[in-house]
Every structure is written in C-alpha cells, then in structure tokens.
C-alpha cells in the first residue's frame, strides 16, 4: 500500500524524508483517545455506531461547546449529520484495549427489549439523552446536540452543544486514556 505524499514541502528537501519527519512530529502531539457514539435513521432503519477518536476539545464555554474531529467518509459522520447529535465516552487509562474495538464501524449491536442498544462490539452501552450510545464502563461521558459541522477535507469538525454529562471522573479524578498509553498513532 503506497500513501500519497501531501504537501506543501519546503524547497530543497527530499519529500519522503520530510514526510517521515513531519509524521513523527505530528504523532508526538499529546492527545486523548475517546469513543464517539452516534445514531440516526438511515435507509429506513435506526443505526448506532461507536468510533475511536483522538481529537475532542471544548471550544466554547458560553454555550458549552465540544468539538470532535470525524473522518468525512466514516459512518459516524453520516450518522452525526443525519441524527444531529453525538456523545463522547472518556475511558480510564487501563481500558486501552477497548478503543481498538471501535476503529471500524460496529457490526455487532445487541438491542434490549425496548429496542435500545445494550451492547456494541461486546461492550455494554447505554443511551444518552440524545439517543447516542455511550459506553457503560466510561469514567465520564458528554452528550451533545449538533451545533455545526465544518467539512475540512479528510475530516469534519463536529461542534456540539453539551446537553448532558455523566460519570464519576470529576469525583475520583480517574486518569483518562491518552494516545501515548497505546501503541496506536494517528496524524501526520
């Protein structure tokens, strides 16, 4: 698999060497790992998804707005556009294996008797106020109504207004999972 090099490149540098250096530098940016939940009616059926994400940031305090970067072509982007909501699950550092379950669209969704998601990819979930799934084992979660979606090329920046939060993270100060806690890398 060959990857197309993306410029610009400074004059007089070897593009391959420069690209390797640029990726190493960009991979070193401290970032968390999160699981983004989404739901919407697509093609006549209610769909749910959970997706691993590494860019989640509060972008405003009045109103409380959260930004999440989502691959433009991902199922999650389609669900966020259609459903106008998303939720973010924050994981404990020792739960690093969980994020690997959500790097591809979730194929296994178990519904409860009322038709709500009870488990996804074998992980227990619950529904946030908007209907988006959150991991039941999350140390914290944030539920958002979509405020805006800015297409940026390979990714879209979903900005959501916080409508609900949960979890004990603020009470016990549980360390949140970060990219450096795994062998995963992203960016560059």
N, C-alpha and C. Protein backbone atom coordinates (compact mmCIF):
# COMPACT_ATOMS: atom_id res chain seq x y z
N UNK A 1 0.84 -1.17 0.00
CA UNK A 1 0.00 0.00 0.00
C UNK A 1 0.89 1.24 0.00
N UNK A 2 0.75 2.06 -1.00
CA UNK A 2 1.53 3.30 -1.05
C UNK A 2 0.63 4.45 -0.63
N UNK A 3 1.22 5.36 0.08
CA UNK A 3 0.49 6.52 0.55
C UNK A 3 0.95 7.73 -0.25
N UNK A 4 -0.01 8.48 -0.74
CA UNK A 4 0.31 9.69 -1.48
C UNK A 4 0.84 10.74 -0.51
N UNK A 5 1.97 11.31 -0.85
CA UNK A 5 2.54 12.36 -0.01
C UNK A 5 1.72 13.63 -0.18
N UNK A 6 1.49 14.31 0.93
CA UNK A 6 0.69 15.52 0.92
C UNK A 6 1.60 16.69 1.24
N UNK A 7 1.66 17.67 0.34
CA UNK A 7 2.48 18.87 0.53
C UNK A 7 1.75 19.89 1.36
N UNK A 8 2.30 21.04 1.48
CA UNK A 8 3.48 21.55 0.77
C UNK A 8 4.78 21.03 1.39
N UNK A 9 5.85 21.10 0.60
CA UNK A 9 7.17 20.71 1.05
C UNK A 9 8.10 21.89 0.90
N UNK A 10 8.96 22.14 1.90
CA UNK A 10 9.93 23.23 1.77
C UNK A 10 10.85 22.96 0.57
N UNK A 11 11.29 24.00 -0.03
CA UNK A 11 12.18 23.89 -1.19
C UNK A 11 13.47 23.19 -0.79
N UNK A 12 13.93 22.27 -1.65
CA UNK A 12 15.22 21.62 -1.47
C UNK A 12 15.23 20.43 -0.54
N UNK A 13 14.06 19.97 -0.06
CA UNK A 13 14.05 18.80 0.82
C UNK A 13 13.59 17.58 0.05
N UNK A 14 14.01 16.41 0.53
CA UNK A 14 13.51 15.15 -0.02
C UNK A 14 12.10 14.95 0.53
N UNK A 15 11.07 14.90 -0.33
CA UNK A 15 9.69 14.77 0.16
C UNK A 15 9.47 13.54 1.05
N UNK A 16 10.08 12.40 0.73
CA UNK A 16 9.90 11.20 1.56
C UNK A 16 10.47 11.39 2.96
N UNK A 17 11.70 11.90 3.04
CA UNK A 17 12.32 12.13 4.35
C UNK A 17 11.55 13.18 5.15
N UNK A 18 11.15 14.24 4.47
CA UNK A 18 10.41 15.30 5.15
C UNK A 18 9.07 14.77 5.66
N UNK A 19 8.39 13.94 4.85
CA UNK A 19 7.10 13.39 5.26
C UNK A 19 7.26 12.51 6.50
N UNK A 20 8.32 11.68 6.56
CA UNK A 20 8.56 10.85 7.75
C UNK A 20 8.78 11.72 8.99
N UNK A 21 9.59 12.77 8.85
CA UNK A 21 9.83 13.67 9.97
C UNK A 21 8.54 14.36 10.40
N UNK A 22 7.78 14.86 9.45
CA UNK A 22 6.53 15.56 9.76
C UNK A 22 5.58 14.64 10.51
N UNK A 23 5.45 13.38 10.05
CA UNK A 23 4.56 12.44 10.73
C UNK A 23 5.02 12.19 12.16
N UNK A 24 6.33 12.01 12.38
CA UNK A 24 6.83 11.78 13.74
C UNK A 24 6.52 12.98 14.64
N UNK A 25 6.71 14.17 14.12
CA UNK A 25 6.43 15.37 14.92
C UNK A 25 4.92 15.47 15.22
N UNK A 26 4.08 15.27 14.23
CA UNK A 26 2.64 15.37 14.45
C UNK A 26 2.14 14.26 15.37
N UNK A 27 2.72 13.06 15.29
CA UNK A 27 2.32 11.97 16.18
C UNK A 27 2.68 12.27 17.63
N UNK A 28 3.62 13.17 17.86
CA UNK A 28 4.06 13.45 19.22
C UNK A 28 3.15 14.46 19.94
N UNK A 29 2.17 15.02 19.25
CA UNK A 29 1.25 15.96 19.90
C UNK A 29 0.45 15.19 20.95
N UNK A 30 0.46 15.63 22.22
CA UNK A 30 -0.31 14.93 23.25
C UNK A 30 -1.80 14.99 22.91
N UNK A 31 -2.45 13.84 22.97
CA UNK A 31 -3.87 13.78 22.65
C UNK A 31 -4.51 12.62 23.39
N UNK A 32 -5.79 12.70 23.62
CA UNK A 32 -6.52 11.63 24.27
C UNK A 32 -7.05 10.63 23.27
N UNK A 33 -7.66 9.59 23.78
CA UNK A 33 -8.40 8.64 22.95
C UNK A 33 -9.78 8.53 23.56
N UNK A 34 -10.78 8.64 22.73
CA UNK A 34 -12.17 8.70 23.15
C UNK A 34 -12.99 7.78 22.27
N UNK A 35 -14.22 7.51 22.66
CA UNK A 35 -15.14 6.76 21.83
C UNK A 35 -16.36 7.65 21.59
N UNK A 36 -16.63 7.93 20.31
CA UNK A 36 -17.73 8.81 19.92
C UNK A 36 -18.93 7.95 19.51
N UNK A 37 -20.06 8.21 20.13
CA UNK A 37 -21.30 7.50 19.81
C UNK A 37 -22.19 8.34 18.93
N UNK A 38 -22.90 7.67 18.02
CA UNK A 38 -23.81 8.38 17.12
C UNK A 38 -24.99 7.50 16.78
N UNK A 39 -26.08 8.14 16.38
CA UNK A 39 -27.28 7.40 15.99
C UNK A 39 -28.10 8.25 15.03
N UNK A 40 -28.80 7.58 14.14
CA UNK A 40 -29.70 8.27 13.21
C UNK A 40 -30.52 7.23 12.46
N UNK A 41 -31.56 7.69 11.84
CA UNK A 41 -32.34 6.88 10.93
C UNK A 41 -31.65 6.98 9.57
N UNK A 42 -31.16 5.84 9.07
CA UNK A 42 -30.51 5.79 7.75
C UNK A 42 -31.16 4.68 6.94
N UNK A 43 -31.55 5.00 5.73
CA UNK A 43 -32.13 4.00 4.83
C UNK A 43 -33.26 3.22 5.50
N UNK A 44 -34.10 3.95 6.25
CA UNK A 44 -35.28 3.34 6.85
C UNK A 44 -35.06 2.53 8.11
N UNK A 45 -33.84 2.54 8.66
CA UNK A 45 -33.62 1.81 9.91
C UNK A 45 -32.77 2.64 10.87
N UNK A 46 -33.00 2.45 12.16
CA UNK A 46 -32.23 3.14 13.20
C UNK A 46 -30.86 2.49 13.27
N UNK A 47 -29.81 3.30 13.12
CA UNK A 47 -28.42 2.82 13.16
C UNK A 47 -27.72 3.44 14.36
N UNK A 48 -26.79 2.70 14.91
CA UNK A 48 -25.96 3.14 16.03
C UNK A 48 -24.51 2.84 15.67
N UNK A 49 -23.60 3.68 16.14
CA UNK A 49 -22.18 3.39 15.95
C UNK A 49 -21.38 3.99 17.10
N UNK A 50 -20.24 3.37 17.35
CA UNK A 50 -19.22 3.89 18.25
C UNK A 50 -17.93 3.93 17.46
N UNK A 51 -17.16 5.00 17.60
CA UNK A 51 -15.94 5.20 16.82
C UNK A 51 -14.84 5.76 17.71
N UNK A 52 -13.65 5.21 17.58
CA UNK A 52 -12.49 5.75 18.29
C UNK A 52 -12.11 7.09 17.67
N UNK A 53 -11.85 8.06 18.52
CA UNK A 53 -11.45 9.40 18.06
C UNK A 53 -10.33 9.90 18.95
N UNK A 54 -9.47 10.76 18.37
CA UNK A 54 -8.39 11.30 19.19
C UNK A 54 -8.45 12.81 19.33
N UNK A 55 -9.36 13.47 18.64
CA UNK A 55 -9.47 14.92 18.81
C UNK A 55 -10.84 15.26 19.36
N UNK A 56 -10.86 15.58 20.63
CA UNK A 56 -12.05 16.05 21.32
C UNK A 56 -11.59 17.22 22.17
N UNK A 57 -12.26 18.36 22.02
CA UNK A 57 -11.81 19.55 22.74
C UNK A 57 -13.00 20.48 23.00
N UNK A 58 -13.00 21.09 24.19
CA UNK A 58 -14.01 22.10 24.46
C UNK A 58 -13.63 23.34 23.67
N UNK A 59 -14.57 23.87 22.88
CA UNK A 59 -14.26 25.02 22.03
C UNK A 59 -14.94 26.31 22.47
N UNK A 60 -15.89 26.24 23.40
CA UNK A 60 -16.53 27.44 23.93
C UNK A 60 -17.12 27.13 25.30
N UNK A 61 -17.21 28.17 26.14
CA UNK A 61 -17.79 27.99 27.47
C UNK A 61 -19.21 28.53 27.57
N UNK A 62 -19.57 29.47 26.69
CA UNK A 62 -20.93 30.04 26.65
C UNK A 62 -21.39 30.11 25.22
N UNK A 63 -22.16 29.19 24.73
CA UNK A 63 -22.62 27.98 25.40
C UNK A 63 -21.50 26.95 25.50
N UNK A 64 -21.74 25.90 26.26
CA UNK A 64 -20.75 24.82 26.40
C UNK A 64 -20.72 24.04 25.09
N UNK A 65 -19.63 24.21 24.32
CA UNK A 65 -19.49 23.55 23.03
C UNK A 65 -18.27 22.64 23.02
N UNK A 66 -18.44 21.46 22.42
CA UNK A 66 -17.39 20.46 22.32
C UNK A 66 -17.14 20.19 20.84
N UNK A 67 -15.88 20.15 20.45
CA UNK A 67 -15.52 19.83 19.07
C UNK A 67 -14.95 18.43 18.98
N UNK A 68 -15.34 17.70 17.92
CA UNK A 68 -14.87 16.35 17.67
C UNK A 68 -14.51 16.23 16.20
N UNK A 69 -13.30 15.76 15.90
CA UNK A 69 -12.90 15.53 14.51
C UNK A 69 -13.32 14.12 14.09
N UNK A 70 -14.01 14.05 12.95
CA UNK A 70 -14.55 12.79 12.44
C UNK A 70 -14.17 12.67 10.97
N UNK A 71 -13.68 11.49 10.56
CA UNK A 71 -13.39 11.29 9.15
C UNK A 71 -14.64 11.54 8.33
N UNK A 72 -14.50 12.35 7.28
CA UNK A 72 -15.63 12.77 6.47
C UNK A 72 -16.41 11.60 5.89
N UNK A 73 -15.72 10.55 5.48
CA UNK A 73 -16.38 9.41 4.84
C UNK A 73 -16.82 8.33 5.83
N UNK A 74 -16.59 8.51 7.11
CA UNK A 74 -16.91 7.49 8.11
C UNK A 74 -18.42 7.40 8.35
N UNK A 75 -18.86 6.23 8.77
CA UNK A 75 -20.26 6.03 9.14
C UNK A 75 -20.67 7.04 10.22
N UNK A 76 -19.79 7.29 11.17
CA UNK A 76 -20.11 8.25 12.24
C UNK A 76 -20.45 9.62 11.67
N UNK A 77 -19.72 10.08 10.66
CA UNK A 77 -20.03 11.39 10.05
C UNK A 77 -21.43 11.38 9.46
N UNK A 78 -21.81 10.30 8.78
CA UNK A 78 -23.17 10.20 8.21
C UNK A 78 -24.22 10.23 9.31
N UNK A 79 -23.96 9.49 10.39
CA UNK A 79 -24.92 9.44 11.49
C UNK A 79 -25.04 10.79 12.20
N UNK A 80 -23.92 11.46 12.42
CA UNK A 80 -23.96 12.77 13.09
C UNK A 80 -24.72 13.77 12.22
N UNK A 81 -24.46 13.77 10.90
CA UNK A 81 -25.19 14.67 10.01
C UNK A 81 -26.69 14.41 10.07
N UNK A 82 -27.07 13.15 9.97
CA UNK A 82 -28.50 12.79 9.92
C UNK A 82 -29.18 12.89 11.28
N UNK A 83 -28.49 12.47 12.34
CA UNK A 83 -29.09 12.44 13.66
C UNK A 83 -28.95 13.72 14.46
N UNK A 84 -28.03 14.60 14.02
CA UNK A 84 -27.83 15.89 14.67
C UNK A 84 -27.41 15.78 16.14
N UNK A 85 -26.65 14.71 16.45
CA UNK A 85 -26.18 14.53 17.82
C UNK A 85 -24.96 13.62 17.84
N UNK A 86 -24.24 13.64 18.95
CA UNK A 86 -23.16 12.70 19.22
C UNK A 86 -22.88 12.71 20.71
N UNK A 87 -22.23 11.66 21.19
CA UNK A 87 -21.83 11.58 22.59
C UNK A 87 -20.37 11.11 22.62
N UNK A 88 -19.66 11.51 23.65
CA UNK A 88 -18.25 11.14 23.78
C UNK A 88 -18.06 10.41 25.10
N UNK A 89 -17.50 9.19 25.02
CA UNK A 89 -17.16 8.41 26.21
C UNK A 89 -15.68 8.59 26.50
N UNK A 90 -15.36 8.88 27.76
CA UNK A 90 -13.98 9.02 28.23
C UNK A 90 -13.63 7.72 28.95
N UNK A 91 -12.50 7.14 28.60
CA UNK A 91 -12.10 5.86 29.17
C UNK A 91 -10.95 6.02 30.16
N UNK A 92 -10.88 5.08 31.10
CA UNK A 92 -9.75 5.03 32.03
C UNK A 92 -8.53 4.53 31.28
N UNK A 93 -7.37 4.90 31.76
CA UNK A 93 -6.12 4.51 31.10
C UNK A 93 -5.99 2.99 30.98
N UNK A 94 -6.48 2.25 31.97
CA UNK A 94 -6.35 0.79 31.91
C UNK A 94 -7.30 0.15 30.89
N UNK A 95 -8.22 0.93 30.31
CA UNK A 95 -9.16 0.42 29.31
C UNK A 95 -8.68 0.62 27.88
N UNK A 96 -7.37 0.69 27.69
CA UNK A 96 -6.83 0.99 26.36
C UNK A 96 -7.21 -0.03 25.30
N UNK A 97 -7.45 -1.27 25.67
CA UNK A 97 -7.83 -2.28 24.67
C UNK A 97 -9.23 -2.01 24.10
N UNK A 98 -10.06 -1.33 24.85
CA UNK A 98 -11.44 -1.07 24.41
C UNK A 98 -11.48 -0.22 23.14
N UNK A 99 -10.61 0.77 23.02
CA UNK A 99 -10.68 1.67 21.86
C UNK A 99 -10.43 0.93 20.55
N UNK A 100 -9.66 -0.14 20.59
CA UNK A 100 -9.39 -0.91 19.36
C UNK A 100 -10.65 -1.57 18.80
N UNK A 101 -11.65 -1.80 19.62
CA UNK A 101 -12.90 -2.41 19.15
C UNK A 101 -13.71 -1.47 18.26
N UNK A 102 -13.35 -0.18 18.28
CA UNK A 102 -14.18 0.81 17.59
C UNK A 102 -13.43 1.58 16.51
N UNK A 103 -12.39 0.98 15.95
CA UNK A 103 -11.66 1.64 14.86
C UNK A 103 -12.33 1.41 13.51
N UNK A 104 -13.28 0.48 13.45
CA UNK A 104 -14.09 0.24 12.25
C UNK A 104 -15.55 0.29 12.68
N UNK A 105 -16.48 0.52 11.73
CA UNK A 105 -17.89 0.56 12.11
C UNK A 105 -18.31 -0.69 12.89
N UNK A 106 -19.15 -0.50 13.88
CA UNK A 106 -19.60 -1.59 14.73
C UNK A 106 -20.59 -2.47 13.96
N UNK A 107 -20.26 -3.75 13.85
CA UNK A 107 -21.14 -4.69 13.15
C UNK A 107 -22.10 -5.38 14.12
N UNK A 108 -21.69 -5.49 15.37
CA UNK A 108 -22.47 -6.24 16.36
C UNK A 108 -23.13 -5.28 17.35
N UNK A 109 -24.46 -5.11 17.20
CA UNK A 109 -25.24 -4.28 18.12
C UNK A 109 -26.33 -5.15 18.72
N UNK A 110 -26.33 -5.26 20.06
CA UNK A 110 -27.35 -6.02 20.77
C UNK A 110 -28.36 -5.02 21.34
N UNK A 111 -29.64 -5.23 21.02
CA UNK A 111 -30.70 -4.34 21.49
C UNK A 111 -31.42 -4.96 22.68
N UNK A 112 -31.91 -4.11 23.58
CA UNK A 112 -32.70 -4.60 24.71
C UNK A 112 -34.16 -4.79 24.25
N UNK A 113 -35.05 -5.14 25.17
CA UNK A 113 -36.44 -5.42 24.83
C UNK A 113 -37.18 -4.20 24.27
N UNK A 114 -36.71 -3.00 24.62
CA UNK A 114 -37.34 -1.77 24.10
C UNK A 114 -36.70 -1.31 22.79
N UNK A 115 -35.74 -2.07 22.28
CA UNK A 115 -35.09 -1.70 21.03
C UNK A 115 -33.94 -0.72 21.17
N UNK A 116 -33.47 -0.50 22.41
CA UNK A 116 -32.33 0.39 22.65
C UNK A 116 -31.05 -0.43 22.65
N UNK A 117 -29.93 0.17 22.28
CA UNK A 117 -28.68 -0.59 22.30
C UNK A 117 -28.30 -0.95 23.74
N UNK A 118 -27.94 -2.23 23.94
CA UNK A 118 -27.50 -2.71 25.24
C UNK A 118 -26.02 -3.06 25.22
N UNK A 119 -25.51 -3.43 24.03
CA UNK A 119 -24.09 -3.75 23.88
C UNK A 119 -23.71 -3.51 22.42
N UNK A 120 -22.47 -3.06 22.24
CA UNK A 120 -21.93 -2.84 20.89
C UNK A 120 -20.52 -3.39 20.88
N UNK A 121 -20.22 -4.24 19.90
CA UNK A 121 -18.92 -4.91 19.81
C UNK A 121 -18.56 -5.58 21.13
N UNK A 122 -19.60 -6.11 21.80
CA UNK A 122 -19.40 -6.82 23.05
C UNK A 122 -19.25 -5.95 24.29
N UNK A 123 -19.28 -4.64 24.13
CA UNK A 123 -19.15 -3.72 25.26
C UNK A 123 -20.53 -3.20 25.68
N UNK A 124 -20.87 -3.28 26.98
CA UNK A 124 -22.16 -2.74 27.43
C UNK A 124 -22.26 -1.23 27.15
N UNK A 125 -23.42 -0.81 26.68
CA UNK A 125 -23.67 0.60 26.40
C UNK A 125 -25.01 1.02 26.99
N UNK A 126 -25.20 2.31 27.07
CA UNK A 126 -26.49 2.89 27.43
C UNK A 126 -26.73 4.06 26.50
N UNK A 127 -27.95 4.52 26.45
CA UNK A 127 -28.27 5.66 25.60
C UNK A 127 -28.23 6.95 26.40
N UNK A 128 -27.58 7.94 25.81
CA UNK A 128 -27.57 9.28 26.40
C UNK A 128 -28.91 9.94 26.06
N UNK A 129 -29.13 11.12 26.57
CA UNK A 129 -30.39 11.83 26.36
C UNK A 129 -30.73 12.00 24.88
N UNK A 130 -29.72 12.27 24.04
CA UNK A 130 -29.98 12.47 22.60
C UNK A 130 -30.29 11.16 21.88
N UNK A 131 -30.00 10.04 22.51
CA UNK A 131 -30.16 8.74 21.87
C UNK A 131 -28.84 8.13 21.45
N UNK A 132 -27.78 8.93 21.44
CA UNK A 132 -26.46 8.42 21.06
C UNK A 132 -25.96 7.45 22.13
N UNK A 133 -25.28 6.37 21.71
CA UNK A 133 -24.78 5.42 22.70
C UNK A 133 -23.52 5.93 23.40
N UNK A 134 -23.39 5.56 24.68
CA UNK A 134 -22.17 5.79 25.46
C UNK A 134 -21.79 4.47 26.10
N UNK A 135 -20.50 4.29 26.31
CA UNK A 135 -20.02 3.07 26.95
C UNK A 135 -20.42 3.07 28.43
N UNK A 136 -21.04 1.98 28.87
CA UNK A 136 -21.47 1.88 30.27
C UNK A 136 -20.27 1.95 31.22
N UNK A 137 -19.10 1.49 30.78
CA UNK A 137 -17.91 1.49 31.62
C UNK A 137 -17.08 2.75 31.54
N UNK A 138 -17.57 3.77 30.85
CA UNK A 138 -16.82 5.02 30.71
C UNK A 138 -16.66 5.69 32.07
N UNK A 139 -15.51 6.33 32.28
CA UNK A 139 -15.32 7.07 33.53
C UNK A 139 -16.06 8.40 33.48
N UNK A 140 -16.41 8.84 32.29
CA UNK A 140 -17.23 10.04 32.10
C UNK A 140 -17.76 10.03 30.68
N UNK A 141 -18.83 10.78 30.43
CA UNK A 141 -19.35 10.93 29.09
C UNK A 141 -20.01 12.30 28.95
N UNK A 142 -20.05 12.75 27.71
CA UNK A 142 -20.67 14.04 27.37
C UNK A 142 -21.61 13.79 26.21
N UNK A 143 -22.83 14.28 26.32
CA UNK A 143 -23.84 14.12 25.28
C UNK A 143 -24.08 15.48 24.63
N UNK A 144 -24.08 15.52 23.30
CA UNK A 144 -24.15 16.80 22.58
C UNK A 144 -25.21 16.79 21.48
N UNK A 145 -25.86 17.92 21.33
CA UNK A 145 -26.74 18.19 20.19
C UNK A 145 -25.88 18.94 19.18
N UNK A 146 -25.92 18.52 17.92
CA UNK A 146 -25.07 19.13 16.90
C UNK A 146 -25.38 20.62 16.75
N UNK A 147 -24.35 21.43 16.84
CA UNK A 147 -24.43 22.87 16.65
C UNK A 147 -24.02 23.23 15.22
N UNK A 148 -22.91 22.63 14.76
CA UNK A 148 -22.44 22.86 13.39
C UNK A 148 -21.50 21.74 12.99
N UNK A 149 -21.31 21.62 11.68
CA UNK A 149 -20.41 20.62 11.14
C UNK A 149 -19.61 21.28 10.04
N UNK A 150 -18.31 21.39 10.23
CA UNK A 150 -17.44 22.08 9.28
C UNK A 150 -16.59 21.06 8.54
N UNK A 151 -16.80 20.93 7.23
CA UNK A 151 -16.03 20.00 6.40
C UNK A 151 -14.64 20.59 6.17
N UNK A 152 -13.59 19.84 6.54
CA UNK A 152 -12.22 20.35 6.49
C UNK A 152 -11.31 19.57 5.56
N UNK A 153 -11.85 18.73 4.72
CA UNK A 153 -11.04 17.88 3.86
C UNK A 153 -11.24 16.44 4.27
N UNK A 154 -10.19 15.78 4.76
CA UNK A 154 -10.32 14.38 5.17
C UNK A 154 -11.21 14.21 6.39
N UNK A 155 -11.37 15.27 7.17
CA UNK A 155 -12.17 15.22 8.39
C UNK A 155 -13.16 16.38 8.44
N UNK A 156 -14.19 16.17 9.25
CA UNK A 156 -15.15 17.23 9.55
C UNK A 156 -15.01 17.52 11.05
N UNK A 157 -15.21 18.77 11.40
CA UNK A 157 -15.21 19.14 12.81
C UNK A 157 -16.67 19.30 13.24
N UNK A 158 -17.13 18.35 14.04
CA UNK A 158 -18.49 18.41 14.58
C UNK A 158 -18.43 19.20 15.87
N UNK A 159 -19.21 20.27 15.93
CA UNK A 159 -19.31 21.08 17.14
C UNK A 159 -20.67 20.78 17.75
N UNK A 160 -20.66 20.36 19.01
CA UNK A 160 -21.91 20.03 19.67
C UNK A 160 -22.10 20.82 20.95
N UNK A 161 -23.35 21.18 21.21
CA UNK A 161 -23.68 21.83 22.47
C UNK A 161 -23.94 20.75 23.51
N UNK A 162 -23.28 20.86 24.64
CA UNK A 162 -23.41 19.87 25.70
C UNK A 162 -24.82 19.96 26.30
N UNK A 163 -25.55 18.82 26.24
CA UNK A 163 -26.89 18.77 26.80
C UNK A 163 -26.97 17.88 28.03
N UNK A 164 -25.94 17.04 28.25
CA UNK A 164 -25.92 16.18 29.42
C UNK A 164 -24.51 15.63 29.61
N UNK A 165 -24.17 15.30 30.85
CA UNK A 165 -22.89 14.69 31.18
C UNK A 165 -23.13 13.62 32.24
N UNK A 166 -22.19 12.71 32.39
CA UNK A 166 -22.31 11.70 33.42
C UNK A 166 -20.96 11.08 33.70
N UNK A 167 -20.93 10.30 34.78
CA UNK A 167 -19.73 9.58 35.14
C UNK A 167 -19.03 10.18 36.32
N UNK A 168 -18.23 9.37 36.98
CA UNK A 168 -17.56 9.79 38.21
C UNK A 168 -16.20 10.47 38.02
N UNK A 169 -15.79 10.77 36.80
CA UNK A 169 -14.42 11.29 36.58
C UNK A 169 -14.12 12.52 37.43
N UNK A 170 -15.07 13.41 37.56
CA UNK A 170 -14.84 14.61 38.35
C UNK A 170 -14.73 14.32 39.83
N UNK A 171 -15.31 13.20 40.27
CA UNK A 171 -15.31 12.86 41.69
C UNK A 171 -14.00 12.19 42.13
N UNK A 172 -13.53 11.22 41.35
CA UNK A 172 -12.35 10.48 41.79
C UNK A 172 -11.10 10.81 41.01
N UNK A 173 -11.20 11.66 40.00
CA UNK A 173 -10.03 12.06 39.24
C UNK A 173 -9.38 10.92 38.48
N UNK A 174 -10.17 9.97 38.00
CA UNK A 174 -9.61 8.83 37.26
C UNK A 174 -8.80 9.31 36.07
N UNK A 175 -7.57 8.79 35.91
CA UNK A 175 -6.76 9.19 34.76
C UNK A 175 -7.43 8.76 33.46
N UNK A 176 -7.53 9.68 32.52
CA UNK A 176 -8.20 9.45 31.24
C UNK A 176 -7.19 8.88 30.24
N UNK A 177 -7.65 7.94 29.41
CA UNK A 177 -6.82 7.31 28.39
C UNK A 177 -6.27 8.34 27.42
N UNK A 178 -4.97 8.21 27.11
CA UNK A 178 -4.31 9.09 26.15
C UNK A 178 -3.65 8.24 25.07
N UNK A 179 -3.39 8.83 23.93
CA UNK A 179 -2.78 8.12 22.82
C UNK A 179 -1.48 7.45 23.24
N UNK A 180 -0.69 8.11 24.06
CA UNK A 180 0.61 7.57 24.45
C UNK A 180 0.48 6.31 25.31
N UNK A 181 -0.73 6.02 25.81
CA UNK A 181 -0.95 4.81 26.61
C UNK A 181 -1.09 3.57 25.71
N UNK A 182 -1.15 3.76 24.42
CA UNK A 182 -1.33 2.64 23.48
C UNK A 182 -0.18 2.65 22.48
N UNK A 183 -0.17 1.69 21.62
CA UNK A 183 0.79 1.67 20.53
C UNK A 183 0.17 2.25 19.26
N UNK A 184 -1.00 2.83 19.41
CA UNK A 184 -1.68 3.43 18.27
C UNK A 184 -1.07 4.79 17.98
N UNK A 185 -1.14 5.21 16.73
CA UNK A 185 -0.76 6.58 16.40
C UNK A 185 -1.70 7.07 15.33
N UNK A 186 -1.80 8.36 15.24
CA UNK A 186 -2.72 8.95 14.30
C UNK A 186 -2.17 10.31 13.93
N UNK A 187 -2.35 10.69 12.71
CA UNK A 187 -1.95 12.03 12.29
C UNK A 187 -0.79 11.99 11.34
N UNK A 188 -0.41 13.17 10.98
CA UNK A 188 0.73 13.31 10.09
C UNK A 188 0.39 13.07 8.67
